PDB file of N, CA and C in Angstrom:
ATOM      1  N   MET A   1     -18.460  40.236  22.325  1.00  0.00           N
ATOM      2  CA  MET A   1     -19.280  41.021  23.223  1.00  0.00           C
ATOM      3  C   MET A   1     -18.530  41.163  24.543  1.00  0.00           C
ATOM      4  N   THR A   2     -18.513  42.393  25.040  1.00  0.00           N
ATOM      5  CA  THR A   2     -17.832  42.632  26.309  1.00  0.00           C
ATOM      6  C   THR A   2     -18.681  42.115  27.467  1.00  0.00           C
ATOM      7  N   LYS A   3     -18.033  41.939  28.602  1.00  0.00           N
ATOM      8  CA  LYS A   3     -18.755  41.487  29.795  1.00  0.00           C
ATOM      9  C   LYS A   3     -19.827  42.505  30.187  1.00  0.00           C
ATOM     10  N   THR A   4     -19.497  43.793  30.078  1.00  0.00           N
ATOM     11  CA  THR A   4     -20.464  44.842  30.408  1.00  0.00           C
ATOM     12  C   THR A   4     -21.667  44.775  29.482  1.00  0.00           C
ATOM     13  N   ALA A   5     -21.436  44.608  28.188  1.00  0.00           N
ATOM     14  CA  ALA A   5     -22.543  44.517  27.232  1.00  0.00           C
ATOM     15  C   ALA A   5     -23.398  43.296  27.529  1.00  0.00           C
ATOM     16  N   HIS A   6     -22.761  42.193  27.871  1.00  0.00           N
ATOM     17  CA  HIS A   6     -23.504  40.974  28.196  1.00  0.00           C
ATOM     18  C   HIS A   6     -24.379  41.192  29.428  1.00  0.00           C
ATOM     19  N   LEU A   7     -23.848  41.869  30.442  1.00  0.00           N
ATOM     20  CA  LEU A   7     -24.627  42.148  31.653  1.00  0.00           C
ATOM     21  C   LEU A   7     -25.793  43.079  31.357  1.00  0.00           C
ATOM     22  N   GLN A   8     -25.584  44.059  30.464  1.00  0.00           N
ATOM     23  CA  GLN A   8     -26.668  44.964  30.086  1.00  0.00           C
ATOM     24  C   GLN A   8     -27.793  44.192  29.407  1.00  0.00           C
ATOM     25  N   ILE A   9     -27.454  43.267  28.513  1.00  0.00           N
ATOM     26  CA  ILE A   9     -28.470  42.473  27.824  1.00  0.00           C
ATOM     27  C   ILE A   9     -29.236  41.629  28.827  1.00  0.00           C
ATOM     28  N   MET A  10     -28.518  41.018  29.763  1.00  0.00           N
ATOM     29  CA  MET A  10     -29.185  40.211  30.786  1.00  0.00           C
ATOM     30  C   MET A  10     -30.121  41.086  31.616  1.00  0.00           C
ATOM     31  N   LYS A  11     -29.659  42.264  32.002  1.00  0.00           N
ATOM     32  CA  LYS A  11     -30.479  43.173  32.803  1.00  0.00           C
ATOM     33  C   LYS A  11     -31.740  43.552  32.031  1.00  0.00           C
ATOM     34  N   TYR A  12     -31.585  43.872  30.757  1.00  0.00           N
ATOM     35  CA  TYR A  12     -32.731  44.234  29.928  1.00  0.00           C
ATOM     36  C   TYR A  12     -33.707  43.068  29.841  1.00  0.00           C
ATOM     37  N   ASN A  13     -33.209  41.897  29.499  1.00  0.00           N
ATOM     38  CA  ASN A  13     -34.078  40.724  29.345  1.00  0.00           C
ATOM     39  C   ASN A  13     -34.774  40.359  30.650  1.00  0.00           C
ATOM     40  N   ASP A  14     -34.038  40.381  31.741  1.00  0.00           N
ATOM     41  CA  ASP A  14     -34.635  40.067  33.046  1.00  0.00           C
ATOM     42  C   ASP A  14     -35.726  41.068  33.404  1.00  0.00           C
ATOM     43  N   THR A  15     -35.452  42.346  33.183  1.00  0.00           N
ATOM     44  CA  THR A  15     -36.444  43.378  33.497  1.00  0.00           C
ATOM     45  C   THR A  15     -37.663  43.228  32.603  1.00  0.00           C
ATOM     46  N   TYR A  16     -37.440  43.041  31.320  1.00  0.00           N
ATOM     47  CA  TYR A  16     -38.547  42.883  30.371  1.00  0.00           C
ATOM     48  C   TYR A  16     -39.435  41.707  30.785  1.00  0.00           C
ATOM     49  N   ASN A  17     -38.827  40.580  31.058  1.00  0.00           N
ATOM     50  CA  ASN A  17     -39.596  39.393  31.452  1.00  0.00           C
ATOM     51  C   ASN A  17     -40.332  39.614  32.767  1.00  0.00           C
ATOM     52  N   SER A  18     -39.687  40.269  33.711  1.00  0.00           N
ATOM     53  CA  SER A  18     -40.334  40.545  34.998  1.00  0.00           C
ATOM     54  C   SER A  18     -41.509  41.498  34.828  1.00  0.00           C
ATOM     55  N   LEU A  19     -41.341  42.532  34.013  1.00  0.00           N
ATOM     56  CA  LEU A  19     -42.438  43.477  33.782  1.00  0.00           C
ATOM     57  C   LEU A  19     -43.645  42.788  33.155  1.00  0.00           C
ATOM     58  N   ASN A  20     -43.397  41.837  32.286  1.00  0.00           N
ATOM     59  CA  ASN A  20     -44.504  41.129  31.635  1.00  0.00           C
ATOM     60  C   ASN A  20     -45.265  40.221  32.587  1.00  0.00           C
ATOM     61  N   LYS A  21     -44.666  39.882  33.716  1.00  0.00           N
ATOM     62  CA  LYS A  21     -45.339  39.015  34.694  1.00  0.00           C
ATOM     63  C   LYS A  21     -46.145  39.805  35.724  1.00  0.00           C
ATOM     64  N   ILE A  22     -45.890  41.091  35.824  1.00  0.00           N
ATOM     65  CA  ILE A  22     -46.549  41.921  36.837  1.00  0.00           C
ATOM     66  C   ILE A  22     -47.951  42.296  36.372  1.00  0.00           C
ATOM     67  N   THR A  23     -48.918  42.188  37.288  1.00  0.00           N
ATOM     68  CA  THR A  23     -50.299  42.555  36.960  1.00  0.00           C
ATOM     69  C   THR A  23     -50.770  43.788  37.725  1.00  0.00           C
ATOM     70  N   ASN A  24     -50.012  44.211  38.725  1.00  0.00           N
ATOM     71  CA  ASN A  24     -50.359  45.379  39.531  1.00  0.00           C
ATOM     72  C   ASN A  24     -49.616  46.593  38.979  1.00  0.00           C
ATOM     73  N   LEU A  25     -50.347  47.653  38.635  1.00  0.00           N
ATOM     74  CA  LEU A  25     -49.742  48.823  38.006  1.00  0.00           C
ATOM     75  C   LEU A  25     -48.701  49.506  38.895  1.00  0.00           C
ATOM     76  N   GLU A  26     -48.936  49.574  40.191  1.00  0.00           N
ATOM     77  CA  GLU A  26     -47.958  50.204  41.087  1.00  0.00           C
ATOM     78  C   GLU A  26     -46.645  49.433  41.100  1.00  0.00           C
ATOM     79  N   ASP A  27     -46.729  48.105  41.172  1.00  0.00           N
ATOM     80  CA  ASP A  27     -45.519  47.279  41.144  1.00  0.00           C
ATOM     81  C   ASP A  27     -44.807  47.418  39.801  1.00  0.00           C
ATOM     82  N   TYR A  28     -45.599  47.500  38.741  1.00  0.00           N
ATOM     83  CA  TYR A  28     -45.053  47.656  37.394  1.00  0.00           C
ATOM     84  C   TYR A  28     -44.243  48.954  37.308  1.00  0.00           C
ATOM     85  N   LYS A  29     -44.845  50.048  37.763  1.00  0.00           N
ATOM     86  CA  LYS A  29     -44.164  51.339  37.687  1.00  0.00           C
ATOM     87  C   LYS A  29     -42.934  51.379  38.583  1.00  0.00           C
ATOM     88  N   LEU A  30     -42.980  50.701  39.701  1.00  0.00           N
ATOM     89  CA  LEU A  30     -41.825  50.647  40.594  1.00  0.00           C
ATOM     90  C   LEU A  30     -40.635  49.984  39.897  1.00  0.00           C
ATOM     91  N   LEU A  31     -40.868  48.833  39.286  1.00  0.00           N
ATOM     92  CA  LEU A  31     -39.784  48.134  38.592  1.00  0.00           C
ATOM     93  C   LEU A  31     -39.346  48.893  37.343  1.00  0.00           C
ATOM     94  N   LEU A  32     -40.307  49.411  36.581  1.00  0.00           N
ATOM     95  CA  LEU A  32     -39.955  50.190  35.393  1.00  0.00           C
ATOM     96  C   LEU A  32     -39.124  51.404  35.792  1.00  0.00           C
ATOM     97  N   GLY A  33     -39.504  52.061  36.873  1.00  0.00           N
ATOM     98  CA  GLY A  33     -38.743  53.215  37.348  1.00  0.00           C
ATOM     99  C   GLY A  33     -37.311  52.849  37.686  1.00  0.00           C
ATOM    100  N   LYS A  34     -37.117  51.740  38.368  1.00  0.00           N
ATOM    101  CA  LYS A  34     -35.756  51.292  38.699  1.00  0.00           C
ATOM    102  C   LYS A  34     -34.941  51.065  37.429  1.00  0.00           C
ATOM    103  N   PHE A  35     -35.572  50.456  36.434  1.00  0.00           N
ATOM    104  CA  PHE A  35     -34.898  50.228  35.155  1.00  0.00           C
ATOM    105  C   PHE A  35     -34.529  51.566  34.505  1.00  0.00           C
ATOM    106  N   LEU A  36     -35.474  52.501  34.498  1.00  0.00           N
ATOM    107  CA  LEU A  36     -35.224  53.802  33.874  1.00  0.00           C
ATOM    108  C   LEU A  36     -34.100  54.553  34.570  1.00  0.00           C
ATOM    109  N   TYR A  37     -34.055  54.518  35.895  1.00  0.00           N
ATOM    110  CA  TYR A  37     -32.982  55.197  36.632  1.00  0.00           C
ATOM    111  C   TYR A  37     -31.632  54.570  36.288  1.00  0.00           C
ATOM    112  N   GLY A  38     -31.607  53.258  36.162  1.00  0.00           N
ATOM    113  CA  GLY A  38     -30.372  52.575  35.772  1.00  0.00           C
ATOM    114  C   GLY A  38     -29.932  52.959  34.370  1.00  0.00           C
ATOM    115  N   GLN A  39     -30.899  53.083  33.463  1.00  0.00           N
ATOM    116  CA  GLN A  39     -30.579  53.477  32.090  1.00  0.00           C
ATOM    117  C   GLN A  39     -30.087  54.924  32.056  1.00  0.00           C
ATOM    118  N   LEU A  40     -30.668  55.766  32.883  1.00  0.00           N
ATOM    119  CA  LEU A  40     -30.214  57.157  32.959  1.00  0.00           C
ATOM    120  C   LEU A  40     -28.773  57.206  33.458  1.00  0.00           C
ATOM    121  N   ASP A  41     -28.465  56.421  34.467  1.00  0.00           N
ATOM    122  CA  ASP A  41     -27.084  56.352  34.958  1.00  0.00           C
ATOM    123  C   ASP A  41     -26.142  55.867  33.863  1.00  0.00           C
ATOM    124  N   ALA A  42     -26.584  54.874  33.092  1.00  0.00           N
ATOM    125  CA  ALA A  42     -25.758  54.357  31.993  1.00  0.00           C
ATOM    126  C   ALA A  42     -25.503  55.450  30.964  1.00  0.00           C
ATOM    127  N   TRP A  43     -26.528  56.252  30.664  1.00  0.00           N
ATOM    128  CA  TRP A  43     -26.362  57.343  29.700  1.00  0.00           C
ATOM    129  C   TRP A  43     -25.396  58.401  30.237  1.00  0.00           C
ATOM    130  N   LYS A  44     -25.508  58.718  31.519  1.00  0.00           N
ATOM    131  CA  LYS A  44     -24.614  59.727  32.102  1.00  0.00           C
ATOM    132  C   LYS A  44     -23.159  59.273  32.036  1.00  0.00           C
ATOM    133  N   LEU A  45     -22.929  57.973  32.189  1.00  0.00           N
ATOM    134  CA  LEU A  45     -21.567  57.435  32.109  1.00  0.00           C
ATOM    135  C   LEU A  45     -21.063  57.352  30.675  1.00  0.00           C
ATOM    136  N   ASN A  46     -21.975  57.067  29.741  1.00  0.00           N
ATOM    137  CA  ASN A  46     -21.602  56.869  28.335  1.00  0.00           C
ATOM    138  C   ASN A  46     -22.623  57.526  27.414  1.00  0.00           C
ATOM    139  N   PRO A  47     -22.655  58.854  27.349  1.00  0.00           N
ATOM    140  CA  PRO A  47     -23.661  59.520  26.526  1.00  0.00           C
ATOM    141  C   PRO A  47     -23.570  59.163  25.041  1.00  0.00           C
ATOM    142  N   HIS A  48     -22.401  58.718  24.596  1.00  0.00           N
ATOM    143  CA  HIS A  48     -22.264  58.317  23.193  1.00  0.00           C
ATOM    144  C   HIS A  48     -23.070  57.050  22.884  1.00  0.00           C
ATOM    145  N   ASN A  49     -23.545  56.341  23.904  1.00  0.00           N
ATOM    146  CA  ASN A  49     -24.388  55.153  23.705  1.00  0.00           C
ATOM    147  C   ASN A  49     -25.877  55.489  23.798  1.00  0.00           C
ATOM    148  N   GLY A  50     -26.211  56.756  23.648  1.00  0.00           N
ATOM    149  CA  GLY A  50     -27.583  57.205  23.827  1.00  0.00           C
ATOM    150  C   GLY A  50     -28.618  56.476  22.990  1.00  0.00           C
ATOM    151  N   ARG A  51     -28.323  56.254  21.713  1.00  0.00           N
ATOM    152  CA  ARG A  51     -29.309  55.564  20.860  1.00  0.00           C
ATOM    153  C   ARG A  51     -29.574  54.157  21.340  1.00  0.00           C
ATOM    154  N   GLU A  52     -28.538  53.433  21.727  1.00  0.00           N
ATOM    155  CA  GLU A  52     -28.709  52.064  22.195  1.00  0.00           C
ATOM    156  C   GLU A  52     -29.497  52.027  23.505  1.00  0.00           C
ATOM    157  N   ILE A  53     -29.212  52.966  24.385  1.00  0.00           N
ATOM    158  CA  ILE A  53     -29.923  53.026  25.662  1.00  0.00           C
ATOM    159  C   ILE A  53     -31.384  53.394  25.425  1.00  0.00           C
ATOM    160  N   ALA A  54     -31.626  54.353  24.539  1.00  0.00           N
ATOM    161  CA  ALA A  54     -33.001  54.734  24.205  1.00  0.00           C
ATOM    162  C   ALA A  54     -33.752  53.550  23.593  1.00  0.00           C
ATOM    163  N   TYR A  55     -33.065  52.758  22.783  1.00  0.00           N
ATOM    164  CA  TYR A  55     -33.674  51.571  22.177  1.00  0.00           C
ATOM    165  C   TYR A  55     -34.144  50.599  23.261  1.00  0.00           C
ATOM    166  N   GLU A  56     -33.315  50.400  24.276  1.00  0.00           N
ATOM    167  CA  GLU A  56     -33.697  49.496  25.367  1.00  0.00           C
ATOM    168  C   GLU A  56     -34.888  50.045  26.150  1.00  0.00           C
ATOM    169  N   ILE A  57     -34.888  51.342  26.405  1.00  0.00           N
ATOM    170  CA  ILE A  57     -36.016  51.944  27.124  1.00  0.00           C
ATOM    171  C   ILE A  57     -37.286  51.807  26.294  1.00  0.00           C
ATOM    172  N   ALA A  58     -37.208  52.166  25.024  1.00  0.00           N
ATOM    173  CA  ALA A  58     -38.385  52.094  24.151  1.00  0.00           C
ATOM    174  C   ALA A  58     -38.891  50.663  24.011  1.00  0.00           C
ATOM    175  N   GLY A  59     -38.015  49.695  24.143  1.00  0.00           N
ATOM    176  CA  GLY A  59     -38.421  48.297  24.060  1.00  0.00           C
ATOM    177  C   GLY A  59     -39.431  47.920  25.124  1.00  0.00           C
ATOM    178  N   MET A  60     -39.432  48.649  26.221  1.00  0.00           N
ATOM    179  CA  MET A  60     -40.391  48.368  27.296  1.00  0.00           C
ATOM    180  C   MET A  60     -41.819  48.757  26.911  1.00  0.00           C
ATOM    181  N   LEU A  61     -41.977  49.471  25.784  1.00  0.00           N
ATOM    182  CA  LEU A  61     -43.318  49.795  25.287  1.00  0.00           C
ATOM    183  C   LEU A  61     -44.125  48.547  24.971  1.00  0.00           C
ATOM    184  N   SER A  62     -43.458  47.465  24.667  1.00  0.00           N
ATOM    185  CA  SER A  62     -44.189  46.249  24.288  1.00  0.00           C
ATOM    186  C   SER A  62     -44.497  45.343  25.475  1.00  0.00           C
ATOM    187  N   THR A  63     -44.195  45.793  26.689  1.00  0.00           N
ATOM    188  CA  THR A  63     -44.578  44.994  27.859  1.00  0.00           C
ATOM    189  C   THR A  63     -46.081  45.127  28.082  1.00  0.00           C
ATOM    190  N   SER A  64     -46.652  44.143  28.735  1.00  0.00           N
ATOM    191  CA  SER A  64     -48.109  44.027  28.811  1.00  0.00           C
ATOM    192  C   SER A  64     -48.805  45.245  29.412  1.00  0.00           C
ATOM    193  N   LEU A  65     -48.362  45.755  30.525  1.00  0.00           N
ATOM    194  CA  LEU A  65     -49.055  46.886  31.143  1.00  0.00           C
ATOM    195  C   LEU A  65     -48.755  48.214  30.461  1.00  0.00           C
ATOM    196  N   ALA A  66     -47.631  48.334  29.786  1.00  0.00           N
ATOM    197  CA  ALA A  66     -47.317  49.583  29.079  1.00  0.00           C
ATOM    198  C   ALA A  66     -48.354  49.857  28.001  1.00  0.00           C
ATOM    199  N   LEU A  67     -48.853  48.808  27.396  1.00  0.00           N
ATOM    200  CA  LEU A  67     -49.819  48.969  26.312  1.00  0.00           C
ATOM    201  C   LEU A  67     -51.098  49.650  26.779  1.00  0.00           C
ATOM    202  N   GLY A  68     -51.397  49.584  28.069  1.00  0.00           N
ATOM    203  CA  GLY A  68     -52.609  50.192  28.596  1.00  0.00           C
ATOM    204  C   GLY A  68     -52.418  51.555  29.232  1.00  0.00           C
ATOM    205  N   LEU A  69     -51.179  52.033  29.294  1.00  0.00           N
ATOM    206  CA  LEU A  69     -50.935  53.349  29.890  1.00  0.00           C
ATOM    207  C   LEU A  69     -51.435  54.447  28.956  1.00  0.00           C
ATOM    208  N   PRO A  70     -52.093  55.470  29.497  1.00  0.00           N
ATOM    209  CA  PRO A  70     -52.502  56.589  28.642  1.00  0.00           C
ATOM    210  C   PRO A  70     -51.278  57.373  28.166  1.00  0.00           C
ATOM    211  N   ASP A  71     -51.411  58.043  27.029  1.00  0.00           N
ATOM    212  CA  ASP A  71     -50.292  58.795  26.461  1.00  0.00           C
ATOM    213  C   ASP A  71     -49.765  59.882  27.391  1.00  0.00           C
ATOM    214  N   ASP A  72     -50.620  60.400  28.282  1.00  0.00           N
ATOM    215  CA  ASP A  72     -50.173  61.471  29.165  1.00  0.00           C
ATOM    216  C   ASP A  72     -49.633  60.970  30.509  1.00  0.00           C
ATOM    217  N   ASP A  73     -49.543  59.660  30.673  1.00  0.00           N
ATOM    218  CA  ASP A  73     -48.917  59.096  31.870  1.00  0.00           C
ATOM    219  C   ASP A  73     -47.417  59.396  31.801  1.00  0.00           C
ATOM    220  N   PRO A  74     -46.809  59.872  32.890  1.00  0.00           N
ATOM    221  CA  PRO A  74     -45.383  60.217  32.853  1.00  0.00           C
ATOM    222  C   PRO A  74     -44.476  59.063  32.408  1.00  0.00           C
ATOM    223  N   TYR A  75     -44.828  57.844  32.769  1.00  0.00           N
ATOM    224  CA  TYR A  75     -44.011  56.696  32.346  1.00  0.00           C
ATOM    225  C   TYR A  75     -44.153  56.470  30.843  1.00  0.00           C
ATOM    226  N   MET A  76     -45.368  56.612  30.331  1.00  0.00           N
ATOM    227  CA  MET A  76     -45.580  56.465  28.893  1.00  0.00           C
ATOM    228  C   MET A  76     -44.853  57.569  28.138  1.00  0.00           C
ATOM    229  N   GLU A  77     -44.878  58.779  28.667  1.00  0.00           N
ATOM    230  CA  GLU A  77     -44.173  59.882  28.018  1.00  0.00           C
ATOM    231  C   GLU A  77     -42.681  59.585  27.900  1.00  0.00           C
ATOM    232  N   VAL A  78     -42.101  58.999  28.946  1.00  0.00           N
ATOM    233  CA  VAL A  78     -40.683  58.630  28.912  1.00  0.00           C
ATOM    234  C   VAL A  78     -40.442  57.558  27.850  1.00  0.00           C
ATOM    235  N   LEU A  79     -41.289  56.541  27.822  1.00  0.00           N
ATOM    236  CA  LEU A  79     -41.115  55.463  26.847  1.00  0.00           C
ATOM    237  C   LEU A  79     -41.252  55.982  25.418  1.00  0.00           C
ATOM    238  N   LEU A  80     -42.228  56.842  25.178  1.00  0.00           N
ATOM    239  CA  LEU A  80     -42.429  57.389  23.836  1.00  0.00           C
ATOM    240  C   LEU A  80     -41.276  58.298  23.422  1.00  0.00           C
ATOM    241  N   MET A  81     -40.778  59.103  24.351  1.00  0.00           N
ATOM    242  CA  MET A  81     -39.649  59.971  24.035  1.00  0.00           C
ATOM    243  C   MET A  81     -38.411  59.134  23.717  1.00  0.00           C
ATOM    244  N   ALA A  82     -38.212  58.055  24.454  1.00  0.00           N
ATOM    245  CA  ALA A  82     -37.087  57.158  24.159  1.00  0.00           C
ATOM    246  C   ALA A  82     -37.242  56.579  22.759  1.00  0.00           C
ATOM    247  N   GLY A  83     -38.484  56.302  22.360  1.00  0.00           N
ATOM    248  CA  GLY A  83     -38.735  55.813  21.005  1.00  0.00           C
ATOM    249  C   GLY A  83     -38.281  56.807  19.948  1.00  0.00           C
ATOM    250  N   GLU A  84     -38.409  58.096  20.229  1.00  0.00           N
ATOM    251  CA  GLU A  84     -37.909  59.113  19.303  1.00  0.00           C
ATOM    252  C   GLU A  84     -36.384  59.138  19.297  1.00  0.00           C
ATOM    253  N   LEU A  85     -35.792  59.019  20.479  1.00  0.00           N
ATOM    254  CA  LEU A  85     -34.337  59.136  20.596  1.00  0.00           C
ATOM    255  C   LEU A  85     -33.584  57.944  20.024  1.00  0.00           C
ATOM    256  N   GLU A  86     -34.266  56.828  19.845  1.00  0.00           N
ATOM    257  CA  GLU A  86     -33.578  55.674  19.264  1.00  0.00           C
ATOM    258  C   GLU A  86     -33.446  55.803  17.749  1.00  0.00           C
ATOM    259  N   LEU A  87     -34.181  56.729  17.163  1.00  0.00           N
ATOM    260  CA  LEU A  87     -34.166  56.911  15.713  1.00  0.00           C
ATOM    261  C   LEU A  87     -32.911  57.656  15.266  1.00  0.00           C
ATOM    262  N   PRO A  88     -32.554  57.504  13.985  1.00  0.00           N
ATOM    263  CA  PRO A  88     -31.442  58.302  13.458  1.00  0.00           C
ATOM    264  C   PRO A  88     -31.751  59.798  13.608  1.00  0.00           C
ATOM    265  N   ASP A  89     -30.721  60.611  13.717  1.00  0.00           N
ATOM    266  CA  ASP A  89     -30.886  62.042  13.979  1.00  0.00           C
ATOM    267  C   ASP A  89     -31.883  62.718  13.049  1.00  0.00           C
ATOM    268  N   GLU A  90     -31.884  62.356  11.790  1.00  0.00           N
ATOM    269  CA  GLU A  90     -32.765  63.025  10.832  1.00  0.00           C
ATOM    270  C   GLU A  90     -34.241  62.686  11.039  1.00  0.00           C
ATOM    271  N   HIS A  91     -34.540  61.711  11.895  1.00  0.00           N
ATOM    272  CA  HIS A  91     -35.925  61.292  12.117  1.00  0.00           C
ATOM    273  C   HIS A  91     -36.411  61.479  13.548  1.00  0.00           C
ATOM    274  N   LYS A  92     -35.546  61.896  14.455  1.00  0.00           N
ATOM    275  CA  LYS A  92     -35.939  61.882  15.860  1.00  0.00           C
ATOM    276  C   LYS A  92     -36.690  63.117  16.330  1.00  0.00           C
ATOM    277  N   GLY A  93     -36.833  64.123  15.532  1.00  0.00           N
ATOM    278  CA  GLY A  93     -37.624  65.282  15.922  1.00  0.00           C
ATOM    279  C   GLY A  93     -36.956  66.125  16.987  1.00  0.00           C
ATOM    280  N   GLU A  94     -37.760  66.639  17.902  1.00  0.00           N
ATOM    281  CA  GLU A  94     -37.306  67.602  18.902  1.00  0.00           C
ATOM    282  C   GLU A  94     -36.758  66.965  20.179  1.00  0.00           C
ATOM    283  N   ALA A  95     -36.910  65.680  20.354  1.00  0.00           N
ATOM    284  CA  ALA A  95     -36.525  65.017  21.601  1.00  0.00           C
ATOM    285  C   ALA A  95     -35.022  65.143  21.851  1.00  0.00           C
ATOM    286  N   THR A  96     -34.672  65.350  23.124  1.00  0.00           N
ATOM    287  CA  THR A  96     -33.260  65.390  23.523  1.00  0.00           C
ATOM    288  C   THR A  96     -33.066  64.502  24.747  1.00  0.00           C
ATOM    289  N   TRP A  97     -31.843  64.051  24.921  1.00  0.00           N
ATOM    290  CA  TRP A  97     -31.541  63.241  26.093  1.00  0.00           C
ATOM    291  C   TRP A  97     -31.661  64.064  27.368  1.00  0.00           C
ATOM    292  N   GLU A  98     -31.361  65.334  27.285  1.00  0.00           N
ATOM    293  CA  GLU A  98     -31.475  66.180  28.470  1.00  0.00           C
ATOM    294  C   GLU A  98     -32.931  66.249  28.942  1.00  0.00           C
ATOM    295  N   GLU A  99     -33.856  66.360  27.990  1.00  0.00           N
ATOM    296  CA  GLU A  99     -35.277  66.380  28.354  1.00  0.00           C
ATOM    297  C   GLU A  99     -35.711  65.027  28.917  1.00  0.00           C
ATOM    298  N   LEU A 100     -35.264  63.953  28.280  1.00  0.00           N
ATOM    299  CA  LEU A 100     -35.604  62.617  28.774  1.00  0.00           C
ATOM    300  C   LEU A 100     -35.041  62.418  30.183  1.00  0.00           C
ATOM    301  N   ALA A 101     -33.812  62.852  30.391  1.00  0.00           N
ATOM    302  CA  ALA A 101     -33.196  62.734  31.719  1.00  0.00           C
ATOM    303  C   ALA A 101     -34.026  63.484  32.756  1.00  0.00           C
ATOM    304  N   GLY A 102     -34.482  64.671  32.410  1.00  0.00           N
ATOM    305  CA  GLY A 102     -35.312  65.447  33.328  1.00  0.00           C
ATOM    306  C   GLY A 102     -36.613  64.744  33.666  1.00  0.00           C
ATOM    307  N   ARG A 103     -37.216  64.104  32.675  1.00  0.00           N
ATOM    308  CA  ARG A 103     -38.470  63.376  32.919  1.00  0.00           C
ATOM    309  C   ARG A 103     -38.240  62.154  33.806  1.00  0.00           C
ATOM    310  N   ILE A 104     -37.134  61.458  33.582  1.00  0.00           N
ATOM    311  CA  ILE A 104     -36.827  60.293  34.423  1.00  0.00           C
ATOM    312  C   ILE A 104     -36.534  60.751  35.848  1.00  0.00           C
ATOM    313  N   GLU A 105     -35.781  61.830  35.988  1.00  0.00           N
ATOM    314  CA  GLU A 105     -35.493  62.348  37.329  1.00  0.00           C
ATOM    315  C   GLU A 105     -36.771  62.802  38.028  1.00  0.00           C
ATOM    316  N   ALA A 106     -37.729  63.344  37.278  1.00  0.00           N
ATOM    317  CA  ALA A 106     -39.010  63.746  37.864  1.00  0.00           C
ATOM    318  C   ALA A 106     -39.777  62.525  38.371  1.00  0.00           C
ATOM    319  N   LEU A 107     -39.679  61.409  37.658  1.00  0.00           N
ATOM    320  CA  LEU A 107     -40.317  60.172  38.121  1.00  0.00           C
ATOM    321  C   LEU A 107     -39.709  59.745  39.447  1.00  0.00           C
ATOM    322  N   GLN A 108     -38.411  59.881  39.546  1.00  0.00           N
ATOM    323  CA  GLN A 108     -37.699  59.462  40.751  1.00  0.00           C
ATOM    324  C   GLN A 108     -38.153  60.289  41.953  1.00  0.00           C
ATOM    325  N   SER A 109     -38.425  61.553  41.736  1.00  0.00           N
ATOM    326  CA  SER A 109     -38.839  62.403  42.855  1.00  0.00           C
ATOM    327  C   SER A 109     -40.272  62.108  43.292  1.00  0.00           C
ATOM    328  N   LYS A 110     -41.068  61.480  42.411  1.00  0.00           N
ATOM    329  CA  LYS A 110     -42.451  61.133  42.755  1.00  0.00           C
ATOM    330  C   LYS A 110     -42.547  59.816  43.510  1.00  0.00           C
ATOM    331  N   SER A 111     -41.520  58.979  43.389  1.00  0.00           N
ATOM    332  CA  SER A 111     -41.606  57.657  44.029  1.00  0.00           C
ATOM    333  C   SER A 111     -41.032  57.645  45.418  1.00  0.00           C
TER     334      SER A 111
END
């Protein structure tokens, strides 16, 4: 495992654990947003790692407050779209990284 890959795993695990400890929705979205912006930057640097990055984003669906977000919440929409993008091409449907990037950037403009 490369040093960069090891740091990415640590970042994911730290963020996941921190999100599970947060009980305030605003604080939750703030930290989740920071994670999403970082993942978007990672994708822009290495678009060939898109499935792995989408897998990490979709993994945040199992955090405690994500489970209560309505489907039409912009953060939930990003998490669900990432869930599509982590799938093999023949199963991922209409989702594209460009659309996901646009949704993440829209979150950034709201915060």
